[in-house]
Amino acid sequence: MFSQVVSPYIDTIKSENFQYKRSPAQLQGGFTWRLEFGWRAATVGRETVMETQPILTPVISGGLFAVRREYFMAMGGYDPQFNIWGGENFELSFKTWMCGGSVEIVPCSRVGHVFRASLPYTFTGDREQTVLRNLARVASVWMDEYADIFYAAV
């Protein structure tokens, strides 16, 4: 069974004028102990790699990925205890790695994303608390002894 979760580079489209900005090449996902996602320069052996070769990444950004449905469902799909969004990228990335799969960025695949000033949907309750609750769920389920570092950081 295919066990890769792959993600494109995510380019920025400004909502005010639809100006397209290409993201830099040779990036991979990273995170802080607060489970804050960020892009960082790809490391380990990336000096002479062709732009078409996938880049292994600890985590991906949320929402833009491809995975075989059978594999996604065999891993349990999305956590049913999550609310709206926030943390699903960590959950998917962590469980993929911990269940023997790989998480990869495909540099020659790009998707433009319109970043809006406000969200087109509402959260049940406070947005920050909803995201924090989801992240705490990721920590308690997938981070084992490292969950304490997350809780100390938040």
Foldseek 3Di string as FASTA:
>chain_A
DALEKEFEAEWEQEPVPRDTGGDDAQWAWDADLLRDIDIDHQDDPPPDDDLQDKGFHQWDDPDGIDDPPVNCVVLPHFDPPAFDDACRRVLVSQSSVVVPGTYIYGHVDYDYDHDDPDDPDDGPPDPVVRNSVNNLVCLVPRVVPSSVSNVVVD
